[in-house]
Each structure stands twice: as structure tokens, then as C-alpha cells.
Amino acid sequence: VYAKPQQDNHDLVERIESRHGLRQLSYMRELKMGNDKYE
């Protein structure tokens, strides 16, 4: 999503960030639920 041009991803990125949605990812990492490094 973030790799898309700003004119395409602006609305979805704003929704994600205004709700602090990226905390989903960092807390899953803290809980050792998986790996954020991927191929």
C-alpha cells in the first residue's frame, strides 16, 4: 500500500495513520507472533 504513488494511496494511508493502525504490526512483533522481515 505504501509503495503506491501518493495520489493513489493517500486516502487509505490517512485512514491507517489517523487510527494508529500500524501499532497492529509493532505489537504483533513484540508478542513474537511472526516475522516482519520477509521475502
Full PDB file with SEQRES, HELIX, SHEET, SSBOND, CRYST1, ORIGX, SCALE, CONECT and MASTER records, all heavy atoms in Angstrom:
SEQRES   1 A   39  VAL TYR ALA LYS PRO GLN GLN ASP ASN HIS ASP LEU VAL          
SEQRES   2 A   39  GLU ARG ILE GLU SER ARG HIS GLY LEU ARG GLN LEU SER          
SEQRES   3 A   39  TYR MET ARG GLU LEU LYS MET GLY ASN ASP LYS TYR GLU          
HELIX    1 AA1 GLN A    6  SER A   18  1                                  13    
HELIX    2 AA2 ARG A   23  GLU A   30  1                                   8    
CRYST1    1.000    1.000    1.000  90.00  90.00  90.00 P 1           1          
ORIGX1      1.000000  0.000000  0.000000        0.00000                         
ORIGX2      0.000000  1.000000  0.000000        0.00000                         
ORIGX3      0.000000  0.000000  1.000000        0.00000                         
SCALE1      1.000000  0.000000  0.000000        0.00000                         
SCALE2      0.000000  1.000000  0.000000        0.00000                         
SCALE3      0.000000  0.000000  1.000000        0.00000                         
ATOM      1  N   VAL A   1       0.840  -1.198   0.000  1.00  0.00           N  
ATOM      2  CA  VAL A   1       0.000   0.000   0.000  1.00  0.00           C  
ATOM      3  C   VAL A   1       0.877   1.251   0.000  1.00  0.00           C  
ATOM      4  O   VAL A   1       0.675   2.182  -0.791  1.00  0.00           O  
ATOM      5  CB  VAL A   1      -0.954   0.010   1.212  1.00  0.00           C  
ATOM      6  CG1 VAL A   1      -1.586   1.387   1.397  1.00  0.00           C  
ATOM      7  CG2 VAL A   1      -2.045  -1.050   1.040  1.00  0.00           C  
ATOM      8  N   TYR A   2       1.880   1.289   0.876  1.00  0.00           N  
ATOM      9  CA  TYR A   2       2.732   2.467   0.993  1.00  0.00           C  
ATOM     10  C   TYR A   2       3.622   2.656  -0.228  1.00  0.00           C  
ATOM     11  O   TYR A   2       4.085   3.769  -0.503  1.00  0.00           O  
ATOM     12  CB  TYR A   2       3.578   2.387   2.262  1.00  0.00           C  
ATOM     13  CG  TYR A   2       2.876   2.914   3.487  1.00  0.00           C  
ATOM     14  CD1 TYR A   2       1.908   2.159   4.134  1.00  0.00           C  
ATOM     15  CD2 TYR A   2       3.180   4.172   3.992  1.00  0.00           C  
ATOM     16  CE1 TYR A   2       1.260   2.637   5.253  1.00  0.00           C  
ATOM     17  CE2 TYR A   2       2.539   4.667   5.122  1.00  0.00           C  
ATOM     18  CZ  TYR A   2       1.572   3.897   5.745  1.00  0.00           C  
ATOM     19  OH  TYR A   2       0.921   4.381   6.851  1.00  0.00           O  
ATOM     20  N   ALA A   3       3.870   1.596  -0.978  1.00  0.00           N  
ATOM     21  CA  ALA A   3       4.710   1.699  -2.173  1.00  0.00           C  
ATOM     22  C   ALA A   3       3.975   2.310  -3.354  1.00  0.00           C  
ATOM     23  O   ALA A   3       4.606   2.707  -4.333  1.00  0.00           O  
ATOM     24  CB  ALA A   3       5.239   0.314  -2.554  1.00  0.00           C  
ATOM     25  N   LYS A   4       2.652   2.422  -3.263  1.00  0.00           N  
ATOM     26  CA  LYS A   4       1.886   3.039  -4.345  1.00  0.00           C  
ATOM     27  C   LYS A   4       2.117   4.559  -4.344  1.00  0.00           C  
ATOM     28  O   LYS A   4       2.440   5.155  -3.311  1.00  0.00           O  
ATOM     29  CB  LYS A   4       0.388   2.752  -4.179  1.00  0.00           C  
ATOM     30  CG  LYS A   4       0.021   1.276  -4.228  1.00  0.00           C  
ATOM     31  CD  LYS A   4       0.304   0.664  -5.578  1.00  0.00           C  
ATOM     32  CE  LYS A   4      -0.814   0.921  -6.546  1.00  0.00           C  
ATOM     33  NZ  LYS A   4      -0.580   0.217  -7.854  1.00  0.00           N  
ATOM     34  N   PRO A   5       1.939   5.200  -5.485  1.00  0.00           N  
ATOM     35  CA  PRO A   5       2.074   6.666  -5.531  1.00  0.00           C  
ATOM     36  C   PRO A   5       1.098   7.350  -4.579  1.00  0.00           C  
ATOM     37  O   PRO A   5       0.001   6.831  -4.320  1.00  0.00           O  
ATOM     38  CB  PRO A   5       1.739   7.004  -6.986  1.00  0.00           C  
ATOM     39  CG  PRO A   5       1.996   5.748  -7.747  1.00  0.00           C  
ATOM     40  CD  PRO A   5       1.653   4.626  -6.810  1.00  0.00           C  
ATOM     41  N   GLN A   6       1.483   8.514  -4.072  1.00  0.00           N  
ATOM     42  CA  GLN A   6       0.669   9.204  -3.081  1.00  0.00           C  
ATOM     43  C   GLN A   6      -0.726   9.519  -3.592  1.00  0.00           C  
ATOM     44  O   GLN A   6      -1.702   9.453  -2.830  1.00  0.00           O  
ATOM     45  CB  GLN A   6       1.354  10.485  -2.625  1.00  0.00           C  
ATOM     46  CG  GLN A   6       0.600  11.191  -1.506  1.00  0.00           C  
ATOM     47  CD  GLN A   6       1.296  12.453  -1.037  1.00  0.00           C  
ATOM     48  OE1 GLN A   6       2.180  12.976  -1.709  1.00  0.00           O  
ATOM     49  NE2 GLN A   6       0.889  12.958   0.127  1.00  0.00           N  
ATOM     50  N   GLN A   7      -0.836   9.825  -4.867  1.00  0.00           N  
ATOM     51  CA  GLN A   7      -2.166  10.149  -5.384  1.00  0.00           C  
ATOM     52  C   GLN A   7      -3.098   8.941  -5.364  1.00  0.00           C  
ATOM     53  O   GLN A   7      -4.323   9.079  -5.379  1.00  0.00           O  
ATOM     54  CB  GLN A   7      -2.083  10.714  -6.810  1.00  0.00           C  
ATOM     55  CG  GLN A   7      -1.572   9.750  -7.859  1.00  0.00           C  
ATOM     56  CD  GLN A   7      -0.076   9.871  -8.089  1.00  0.00           C  
ATOM     57  OE1 GLN A   7       0.648  10.311  -7.191  1.00  0.00           O  
ATOM     58  NE2 GLN A   7       0.368   9.519  -9.286  1.00  0.00           N  
ATOM     59  N   ASP A   8      -2.524   7.742  -5.310  1.00  0.00           N  
ATOM     60  CA  ASP A   8      -3.327   6.522  -5.237  1.00  0.00           C  
ATOM     61  C   ASP A   8      -3.594   6.066  -3.811  1.00  0.00           C  
ATOM     62  O   ASP A   8      -4.681   5.590  -3.498  1.00  0.00           O  
ATOM     63  CB  ASP A   8      -2.630   5.382  -5.988  1.00  0.00           C  
ATOM     64  CG  ASP A   8      -2.604   5.595  -7.496  1.00  0.00           C  
ATOM     65  OD1 ASP A   8      -3.466   6.343  -7.993  1.00  0.00           O  
ATOM     66  OD2 ASP A   8      -1.722   5.017  -8.154  1.00  0.00           O  
ATOM     67  N   ASN A   9      -2.587   6.191  -2.941  1.00  0.00           N  
ATOM     68  CA  ASN A   9      -2.724   5.585  -1.608  1.00  0.00           C  
ATOM     69  C   ASN A   9      -3.096   6.574  -0.513  1.00  0.00           C  
ATOM     70  O   ASN A   9      -3.255   6.186   0.653  1.00  0.00           O  
ATOM     71  CB  ASN A   9      -1.440   4.849  -1.215  1.00  0.00           C  
ATOM     72  CG  ASN A   9      -0.263   5.770  -0.917  1.00  0.00           C  
ATOM     73  OD1 ASN A   9      -0.397   6.983  -0.790  1.00  0.00           O  
ATOM     74  ND2 ASN A   9       0.931   5.184  -0.804  1.00  0.00           N  
ATOM     75  N   HIS A  10      -3.253   7.860  -0.868  1.00  0.00           N  
ATOM     76  CA  HIS A  10      -3.434   8.892   0.156  1.00  0.00           C  
ATOM     77  C   HIS A  10      -4.568   8.576   1.118  1.00  0.00           C  
ATOM     78  O   HIS A  10      -4.415   8.657   2.343  1.00  0.00           O  
ATOM     79  CB  HIS A  10      -3.663  10.256  -0.499  1.00  0.00           C  
ATOM     80  CG  HIS A  10      -4.011  11.332   0.480  1.00  0.00           C  
ATOM     81  ND1 HIS A  10      -5.313  11.612   0.879  1.00  0.00           N  
ATOM     82  CD2 HIS A  10      -3.228  12.189   1.183  1.00  0.00           C  
ATOM     83  CE1 HIS A  10      -5.304  12.580   1.773  1.00  0.00           C  
ATOM     84  NE2 HIS A  10      -4.066  12.965   1.966  1.00  0.00           N  
ATOM     85  N   ASP A  11      -5.737   8.232   0.604  1.00  0.00           N  
ATOM     86  CA  ASP A  11      -6.905   8.052   1.465  1.00  0.00           C  
ATOM     87  C   ASP A  11      -6.723   6.878   2.419  1.00  0.00           C  
ATOM     88  O   ASP A  11      -7.038   6.974   3.612  1.00  0.00           O  
ATOM     89  CB  ASP A  11      -8.161   7.840   0.621  1.00  0.00           C  
ATOM     90  CG  ASP A  11      -8.554   9.093  -0.153  1.00  0.00           C  
ATOM     91  OD1 ASP A  11      -8.035  10.177   0.157  1.00  0.00           O  
ATOM     92  OD2 ASP A  11      -9.384   8.972  -1.073  1.00  0.00           O  
ATOM     93  N   LEU A  12      -6.220   5.758   1.896  1.00  0.00           N  
ATOM     94  CA  LEU A  12      -6.044   4.582   2.749  1.00  0.00           C  
ATOM     95  C   LEU A  12      -4.937   4.796   3.767  1.00  0.00           C  
ATOM     96  O   LEU A  12      -5.076   4.427   4.941  1.00  0.00           O  
ATOM     97  CB  LEU A  12      -5.755   3.351   1.880  1.00  0.00           C  
ATOM     98  CG  LEU A  12      -5.680   2.005   2.623  1.00  0.00           C  
ATOM     99  CD1 LEU A  12      -6.924   1.760   3.477  1.00  0.00           C  
ATOM    100  CD2 LEU A  12      -5.483   0.861   1.625  1.00  0.00           C  
ATOM    101  N   VAL A  13      -3.844   5.422   3.363  1.00  0.00           N  
ATOM    102  CA  VAL A  13      -2.757   5.709   4.300  1.00  0.00           C  
ATOM    103  C   VAL A  13      -3.238   6.657   5.401  1.00  0.00           C  
ATOM    104  O   VAL A  13      -2.927   6.469   6.589  1.00  0.00           O  
ATOM    105  CB  VAL A  13      -1.537   6.295   3.558  1.00  0.00           C  
ATOM    106  CG1 VAL A  13      -0.530   6.902   4.543  1.00  0.00           C  
ATOM    107  CG2 VAL A  13      -0.855   5.217   2.724  1.00  0.00           C  
ATOM    108  N   GLU A  14      -4.012   7.674   5.029  1.00  0.00           N  
ATOM    109  CA  GLU A  14      -4.543   8.596   6.044  1.00  0.00           C  
ATOM    110  C   GLU A  14      -5.419   7.853   7.037  1.00  0.00           C  
ATOM    111  O   GLU A  14      -5.351   8.109   8.248  1.00  0.00           O  
ATOM    112  CB  GLU A  14      -5.334   9.706   5.361  1.00  0.00           C  
ATOM    113  CG  GLU A  14      -5.756  10.843   6.292  1.00  0.00           C  
ATOM    114  CD  GLU A  14      -6.984  10.529   7.131  1.00  0.00           C  
ATOM    115  OE1 GLU A  14      -7.823   9.713   6.669  1.00  0.00           O  
ATOM    116  OE2 GLU A  14      -7.115  11.070   8.246  1.00  0.00           O  
ATOM    117  N   ARG A  15      -6.238   6.937   6.543  1.00  0.00           N  
ATOM    118  CA  ARG A  15      -7.093   6.160   7.452  1.00  0.00           C  
ATOM    119  C   ARG A  15      -6.238   5.302   8.386  1.00  0.00           C  
ATOM    120  O   ARG A  15      -6.490   5.242   9.597  1.00  0.00           O  
ATOM    121  CB  ARG A  15      -8.046   5.291   6.632  1.00  0.00           C  
ATOM    122  CG  ARG A  15      -8.914   4.314   7.439  1.00  0.00           C  
ATOM    123  CD  ARG A  15      -9.781   4.999   8.502  1.00  0.00           C  
ATOM    124  NE  ARG A  15     -10.643   6.020   7.991  1.00  0.00           N  
ATOM    125  CZ  ARG A  15     -11.908   5.836   7.624  1.00  0.00           C  
ATOM    126  NH1 ARG A  15     -12.440   4.627   7.677  1.00  0.00           N  
ATOM    127  NH2 ARG A  15     -12.636   6.851   7.190  1.00  0.00           N  
ATOM    128  N   ILE A  16      -5.225   4.657   7.875  1.00  0.00           N  
ATOM    129  CA  ILE A  16      -4.352   3.808   8.686  1.00  0.00           C  
ATOM    130  C   ILE A  16      -3.655   4.628   9.769  1.00  0.00           C  
ATOM    131  O   ILE A  16      -3.667   4.270  10.949  1.00  0.00           O  
ATOM    132  CB  ILE A  16      -3.314   3.097   7.798  1.00  0.00           C  
ATOM    133  CG1 ILE A  16      -4.002   2.076   6.876  1.00  0.00           C  
ATOM    134  CG2 ILE A  16      -2.245   2.409   8.649  1.00  0.00           C  
ATOM    135  CD1 ILE A  16      -3.124   1.571   5.744  1.00  0.00           C  
ATOM    136  N   GLU A  17      -3.059   5.738   9.372  1.00  0.00           N  
ATOM    137  CA  GLU A  17      -2.244   6.503  10.315  1.00  0.00           C  
ATOM    138  C   GLU A  17      -3.089   7.283  11.311  1.00  0.00           C  
ATOM    139  O   GLU A  17      -2.707   7.418  12.479  1.00  0.00           O  
ATOM    140  CB  GLU A  17      -1.300   7.426   9.549  1.00  0.00           C  
ATOM    141  CG  GLU A  17      -0.279   6.638   8.743  1.00  0.00           C  
ATOM    142  CD  GLU A  17       0.792   7.512   8.126  1.00  0.00           C  
ATOM    143  OE1 GLU A  17       0.652   8.761   8.167  1.00  0.00           O  
ATOM    144  OE2 GLU A  17       1.767   6.950   7.594  1.00  0.00           O  
ATOM    145  N   SER A  18      -4.241   7.797  10.894  1.00  0.00           N  
ATOM    146  CA  SER A  18      -5.067   8.566  11.821  1.00  0.00           C  
ATOM    147  C   SER A  18      -5.634   7.688  12.929  1.00  0.00           C  
ATOM    148  O   SER A  18      -5.974   8.180  14.004  1.00  0.00           O  
ATOM    149  CB  SER A  18      -6.206   9.269  11.067  1.00  0.00           C  
ATOM    150  OG  SER A  18      -7.117   8.330  10.525  1.00  0.00           O  
ATOM    151  N   ARG A  19      -5.705   6.394  12.701  1.00  0.00           N  
ATOM    152  CA  ARG A  19      -6.193   5.459  13.724  1.00  0.00           C  
ATOM    153  C   ARG A  19      -5.061   4.733  14.437  1.00  0.00           C  
ATOM    154  O   ARG A  19      -5.313   3.839  15.232  1.00  0.00           O  
ATOM    155  CB  ARG A  19      -7.129   4.433  13.081  1.00  0.00           C  
ATOM    156  CG  ARG A  19      -8.575   4.867  12.976  1.00  0.00           C  
ATOM    157  CD  ARG A  19      -8.799   6.095  12.143  1.00  0.00           C  
ATOM    158  NE  ARG A  19     -10.226   6.319  11.893  1.00  0.00           N  
ATOM    159  CZ  ARG A  19     -10.704   7.380  11.282  1.00  0.00           C  
ATOM    160  NH1 ARG A  19      -9.895   8.330  10.838  1.00  0.00           N  
ATOM    161  NH2 ARG A  19     -12.005   7.502  11.096  1.00  0.00           N  
ATOM    162  N   HIS A  20      -3.820   5.090  14.151  1.00  0.00           N  
ATOM    163  CA  HIS A  20      -2.661   4.423  14.738  1.00  0.00           C  
ATOM    164  C   HIS A  20      -2.631   2.941  14.374  1.00  0.00           C  
ATOM    165  O   HIS A  20      -2.186   2.107  15.147  1.00  0.00           O  
ATOM    166  CB  HIS A  20      -2.635   4.596  16.259  1.00  0.00           C  
ATOM    167  CG  HIS A  20      -2.441   6.013  16.722  1.00  0.00           C  
ATOM    168  ND1 HIS A  20      -1.872   6.323  17.937  1.00  0.00           N  
ATOM    169  CD2 HIS A  20      -2.719   7.208  16.140  1.00  0.00           C  
ATOM    170  CE1 HIS A  20      -1.826   7.635  18.084  1.00  0.00           C  
ATOM    171  NE2 HIS A  20      -2.347   8.193  16.993  1.00  0.00           N  
ATOM    172  N   GLY A  21      -3.098   2.619  13.165  1.00  0.00           N  
ATOM    173  CA  GLY A  21      -3.220   1.222  12.770  1.00  0.00           C  
ATOM    174  C   GLY A  21      -1.913   0.468  12.687  1.00  0.00           C  
ATOM    175  O   GLY A  21      -1.891  -0.759  12.846  1.00  0.00           O  
ATOM    176  N   LEU A  22      -0.788   1.161  12.454  1.00  0.00           N  
ATOM    177  CA  LEU A  22       0.490   0.466  12.340  1.00  0.00           C  
ATOM    178  C   LEU A  22       0.936  -0.156  13.658  1.00  0.00           C  
ATOM    179  O   LEU A  22       1.832  -1.010  13.676  1.00  0.00           O  
ATOM    180  CB  LEU A  22       1.559   1.416  11.805  1.00  0.00           C  
ATOM    181  CG  LEU A  22       1.275   1.949  10.396  1.00  0.00           C  
ATOM    182  CD1 LEU A  22       2.295   3.002   9.999  1.00  0.00           C  
ATOM    183  CD2 LEU A  22       1.255   0.817   9.381  1.00  0.00           C  
ATOM    184  N   ARG A  23       0.287   0.226  14.749  1.00  0.00           N  
ATOM    185  CA  ARG A  23       0.580  -0.415  16.032  1.00  0.00           C  
ATOM    186  C   ARG A  23       0.189  -1.897  15.988  1.00  0.00           C  
ATOM    187  O   ARG A  23       0.754  -2.703  16.750  1.00  0.00           O  
ATOM    188  CB  ARG A  23      -0.164   0.305  17.161  1.00  0.00           C  
ATOM    189  CG  ARG A  23       0.064  -0.270  18.561  1.00  0.00           C  
ATOM    190  CD  ARG A  23       1.538  -0.328  18.924  1.00  0.00           C  
ATOM    191  NE  ARG A  23       1.742  -0.821  20.288  1.00  0.00           N  
ATOM    192  CZ  ARG A  23       2.855  -1.421  20.712  1.00  0.00           C  
ATOM    193  NH1 ARG A  23       3.886  -1.581  19.880  1.00  0.00           N  
ATOM    194  NH2 ARG A  23       2.952  -1.845  21.950  1.00  0.00           N  
ATOM    195  N   GLN A  24      -0.717  -2.274  15.107  1.00  0.00           N  
ATOM    196  CA  GLN A  24      -1.018  -3.693  14.934  1.00  0.00           C  
ATOM    197  C   GLN A  24       0.256  -4.483  14.648  1.00  0.00           C  
ATOM    198  O   GLN A  24       0.493  -5.557  15.208  1.00  0.00           O  
ATOM    199  CB  GLN A  24      -2.000  -3.900  13.779  1.00  0.00           C  
ATOM    200  CG  GLN A  24      -3.386  -3.333  13.976  1.00  0.00           C  
ATOM    201  CD  GLN A  24      -4.291  -3.687  12.805  1.00  0.00           C  
ATOM    202  OE1 GLN A  24      -4.218  -4.786  12.267  1.00  0.00           O  
ATOM    203  NE2 GLN A  24      -5.145  -2.762  12.404  1.00  0.00           N  
ATOM    204  N   LEU A  25       1.083  -3.943  13.765  1.00  0.00           N  
ATOM    205  CA  LEU A  25       2.283  -4.646  13.332  1.00  0.00           C  
ATOM    206  C   LEU A  25       3.360  -4.666  14.413  1.00  0.00           C  
ATOM    207  O   LEU A  25       3.953  -5.711  14.695  1.00  0.00           O  
ATOM    208  CB  LEU A  25       2.834  -3.990  12.061  1.00  0.00           C  
ATOM    209  CG  LEU A  25       1.868  -3.909  10.874  1.00  0.00           C  
ATOM    210  CD1 LEU A  25       2.480  -3.080   9.754  1.00  0.00           C  
ATOM    211  CD2 LEU A  25       1.484  -5.289  10.386  1.00  0.00           C  
ATOM    212  N   SER A  26       3.614  -3.511  15.020  1.00  0.00           N  
ATOM    213  CA  SER A  26       4.687  -3.461  16.013  1.00  0.00           C  
ATOM    214  C   SER A  26       4.344  -4.303  17.241  1.00  0.00           C  
ATOM    215  O   SER A  26       5.222  -4.931  17.841  1.00  0.00           O  
ATOM    216  CB  SER A  26       4.985  -2.013  16.409  1.00  0.00           C  
ATOM    217  OG  SER A  26       3.851  -1.391  16.994  1.00  0.00           O  
ATOM    218  N   TYR A  27       3.051  -4.344  17.610  1.00  0.00           N  
ATOM    219  CA  TYR A  27       2.704  -5.142  18.788  1.00  0.00           C  
ATOM    220  C   TYR A  27       2.718  -6.630  18.470  1.00  0.00           C  
ATOM    221  O   TYR A  27       3.087  -7.443  19.331  1.00  0.00           O  
ATOM    222  CB  TYR A  27       1.349  -4.720  19.352  1.00  0.00           C  
ATOM    223  CG  TYR A  27       1.115  -5.238  20.750  1.00  0.00           C  
ATOM    224  CD1 TYR A  27       2.023  -4.971  21.781  1.00  0.00           C  
ATOM    225  CD2 TYR A  27      -0.005  -6.004  21.062  1.00  0.00           C  
ATOM    226  CE1 TYR A  27       1.819  -5.453  23.068  1.00  0.00           C  
ATOM    227  CE2 TYR A  27      -0.220  -6.481  22.352  1.00  0.00           C  
ATOM    228  CZ  TYR A  27       0.700  -6.203  23.346  1.00  0.00           C  
ATOM    229  OH  TYR A  27       0.493  -6.682  24.621  1.00  0.00           O  
ATOM    230  N   MET A  28       2.332  -7.018  17.265  1.00  0.00           N  
ATOM    231  CA  MET A  28       2.483  -8.426  16.898  1.00  0.00           C  
ATOM    232  C   MET A  28       3.947  -8.844  16.988  1.00  0.00           C  
ATOM    233  O   MET A  28       4.262  -9.955  17.421  1.00  0.00           O  
ATOM    234  CB  MET A  28       1.948  -8.690  15.493  1.00  0.00           C  
ATOM    235  CG  MET A  28       0.454  -8.855  15.410  1.00  0.00           C  
ATOM    236  SD  MET A  28      -0.077  -9.641  13.840  1.00  0.00           S  
ATOM    237  CE  MET A  28       0.049  -8.249  12.722  1.00  0.00           C  
ATOM    238  N   ARG A  29       4.839  -7.954  16.577  1.00  0.00           N  
ATOM    239  CA  ARG A  29       6.271  -8.254  16.688  1.00  0.00           C  
ATOM    240  C   ARG A  29       6.669  -8.411  18.149  1.00  0.00           C  
ATOM    241  O   ARG A  29       7.407  -9.335  18.508  1.00  0.00           O  
ATOM    242  CB  ARG A  29       7.089  -7.155  16.016  1.00  0.00           C  
ATOM    243  CG  ARG A  29       8.579  -7.432  15.988  1.00  0.00           C  
ATOM    244  CD  ARG A  29       9.313  -6.444  15.102  1.00  0.00           C  
ATOM    245  NE  ARG A  29       9.197  -5.071  15.599  1.00  0.00           N  
ATOM    246  CZ  ARG A  29       8.547  -4.107  14.961  1.00  0.00           C  
ATOM    247  NH1 ARG A  29       7.935  -4.347  13.815  1.00  0.00           N  
ATOM    248  NH2 ARG A  29       8.494  -2.889  15.465  1.00  0.00           N  
ATOM    249  N   GLU A  30       6.190  -7.518  19.013  1.00  0.00           N  
ATOM    250  CA  GLU A  30       6.518  -7.627  20.435  1.00  0.00           C  
ATOM    251  C   GLU A  30       5.993  -8.924  21.046  1.00  0.00           C  
ATOM    252  O   GLU A  30       6.620  -9.510  21.936  1.00  0.00           O  
ATOM    253  CB  GLU A  30       5.946  -6.423  21.190  1.00  0.00           C  
ATOM    254  CG  GLU A  30       6.632  -5.117  20.856  1.00  0.00           C  
ATOM    255  CD  GLU A  30       5.922  -3.916  21.452  1.00  0.00           C  
ATOM    256  OE1 GLU A  30       5.233  -4.077  22.487  1.00  0.00           O  
ATOM    257  OE2 GLU A  30       6.038  -2.797  20.903  1.00  0.00           O  
ATOM    258  N   LEU A  31       4.833  -9.371  20.573  1.00  0.00           N  
ATOM    259  CA  LEU A  31       4.248 -10.617  21.069  1.00  0.00           C  
ATOM    260  C   LEU A  31       4.871 -11.853  20.434  1.00  0.00           C  
ATOM    261  O   LEU A  31       4.477 -12.978  20.749  1.00  0.00           O  
ATOM    262  CB  LEU A  31       2.740 -10.632  20.820  1.00  0.00           C  
ATOM    263  CG  LEU A  31       1.897  -9.654  21.625  1.00  0.00           C  
ATOM    264  CD1 LEU A  31       0.447  -9.670  21.128  1.00  0.00           C  
ATOM    265  CD2 LEU A  31       1.936  -9.993  23.119  1.00  0.00           C  
ATOM    266  N   LYS A  32       5.833 -11.628  19.517  1.00  0.00           N  
ATOM    267  CA  LYS A  32       6.517 -12.729  18.818  1.00  0.00           C  
ATOM    268  C   LYS A  32       5.534 -13.602  18.044  1.00  0.00           C  
ATOM    269  O   LYS A  32       5.636 -14.832  18.016  1.00  0.00           O  
ATOM    270  CB  LYS A  32       7.347 -13.571  19.791  1.00  0.00           C  
ATOM    271  CG  LYS A  32       8.369 -12.752  20.570  1.00  0.00           C  
ATOM    272  CD  LYS A  32       9.274 -13.618  21.412  1.00  0.00           C  
ATOM    273  CE  LYS A  32      10.176 -12.783  22.311  1.00  0.00           C  
ATOM    274  NZ  LYS A  32      10.944 -11.766  21.602  1.00  0.00           N  
ATOM    275  N   MET A  33       4.578 -12.928  17.395  1.00  0.00           N  
ATOM    276  CA  MET A  33       3.572 -13.635  16.613  1.00  0.00           C  
ATOM    277  C   MET A  33       4.057 -13.970  15.202  1.00  0.00           C  
ATOM    278  O   MET A  33       3.394 -14.728  14.483  1.00  0.00           O  
ATOM    279  CB  MET A  33       2.293 -12.800  16.527  1.00  0.00           C  
ATOM    280  CG  MET A  33       1.565 -12.672  17.842  1.00  0.00           C  
ATOM    281  SD  MET A  33       0.128 -11.567  17.745  1.00  0.00           S  
ATOM    282  CE  MET A  33      -0.940 -12.456  16.595  1.00  0.00           C  
ATOM    283  N   GLY A  34       5.180 -13.394  14.797  1.00  0.00           N  
ATOM    284  CA  GLY A  34       5.686 -13.651  13.464  1.00  0.00           C  
ATOM    285  C   GLY A  34       6.890 -12.787  13.186  1.00  0.00           C  
ATOM    286  O   GLY A  34       7.496 -12.208  14.087  1.00  0.00           O  
ATOM    287  N   ASN A  35       7.239 -12.686  11.917  1.00  0.00           N  
ATOM    288  CA  ASN A  35       8.456 -12.017  11.478  1.00  0.00           C  
ATOM    289  C   ASN A  35       8.087 -10.900  10.501  1.00  0.00           C  
ATOM    290  O   ASN A  35       7.389 -11.142   9.518  1.00  0.00           O  
ATOM    291  CB  ASN A  35       9.365 -13.049  10.783  1.00  0.00           C  
ATOM    292  CG  ASN A  35      10.748 -12.502  10.466  1.00  0.00           C  
ATOM    293  OD1 ASN A  35      11.060 -11.343  10.739  1.00  0.00           O  
ATOM    294  ND2 ASN A  35      11.572 -13.341   9.877  1.00  0.00           N  
ATOM    295  N   ASP A  36       8.525  -9.688  10.778  1.00  0.00           N  
ATOM    296  CA  ASP A  36       8.239  -8.599   9.831  1.00  0.00           C  
ATOM    297  C   ASP A  36       9.287  -8.507   8.738  1.00  0.00           C  
ATOM    298  O   ASP A  36       9.182  -7.682   7.838  1.00  0.00           O  
ATOM    299  CB  ASP A  36       8.074  -7.259  10.557  1.00  0.00           C  
ATOM    300  CG  ASP A  36       9.329  -6.811  11.276  1.00  0.00           C  
ATOM    301  OD1 ASP A  36      10.265  -7.627  11.411  1.00  0.00           O  
ATOM    302  OD2 ASP A  36       9.364  -5.646  11.734  1.00  0.00           O  
ATOM    303  N   LYS A  37      10.310  -9.359   8.787  1.00  0.00           N  
ATOM    304  CA  LYS A  37      11.273  -9.487   7.695  1.00  0.00           C  
ATOM    305  C   LYS A  37      10.784 -10.624   6.805  1.00  0.00           C  
ATOM    306  O   LYS A  37      10.572 -11.731   7.273  1.00  0.00           O  
ATOM    307  CB  LYS A  37      12.669  -9.799   8.220  1.00  0.00           C  
ATOM    308  CG  LYS A  37      13.170  -8.850   9.307  1.00  0.00           C  
ATOM    309  CD  LYS A  37      13.366  -7.449   8.778  1.00  0.00           C  
ATOM    310  CE  LYS A  37      14.083  -6.569   9.783  1.00  0.00           C  
ATOM    311  NZ  LYS A  37      13.361  -6.430  11.060  1.00  0.00           N  
ATOM    312  N   TYR A  38      10.610 -10.344   5.533  1.00  0.00           N  
ATOM    313  CA  TYR A  38      10.035 -11.361   4.666  1.00  0.00           C  
ATOM    314  C   TYR A  38      10.620 -11.293   3.266  1.00  0.00           C  
ATOM    315  O   TYR A  38      11.206 -10.281   2.854  1.00  0.00           O  
ATOM    316  CB  TYR A  38       8.504 -11.197   4.587  1.00  0.00           C  
ATOM    317  CG  TYR A  38       8.064  -9.871   4.012  1.00  0.00           C  
ATOM    318  CD1 TYR A  38       7.886  -9.702   2.641  1.00  0.00           C  
ATOM    319  CD2 TYR A  38       7.873  -8.765   4.842  1.00  0.00           C  
ATOM    320  CE1 TYR A  38       7.511  -8.486   2.117  1.00  0.00           C  
ATOM    321  CE2 TYR A  38       7.485  -7.540   4.319  1.00  0.00           C  
ATOM    322  CZ  TYR A  38       7.308  -7.411   2.960  1.00  0.00           C  
ATOM    323  OH  TYR A  38       6.946  -6.198   2.430  1.00  0.00           O  
ATOM    324  N   GLU A  39      10.472 -12.392   2.561  1.00  0.00           N  
ATOM    325  CA  GLU A  39      10.836 -12.476   1.156  1.00  0.00           C  
ATOM    326  C   GLU A  39       9.533 -12.544   0.363  1.00  0.00           C  
ATOM    327  O   GLU A  39       8.688 -13.410   0.610  1.00  0.00           O  
ATOM    328  CB  GLU A  39      11.664 -13.733   0.916  1.00  0.00           C  
ATOM    329  CG  GLU A  39      12.176 -13.887  -0.502  1.00  0.00           C  
ATOM    330  CD  GLU A  39      12.999 -15.145  -0.672  1.00  0.00           C  
ATOM    331  OE1 GLU A  39      13.066 -15.954   0.272  1.00  0.00           O  
ATOM    332  OE2 GLU A  39      13.583 -15.309  -1.764  1.00  0.00           O  
TER     333      GLU A  39                                                      
MASTER        0    0    0    2    0    0    0    6  332    1    0    3          
END                                                                             
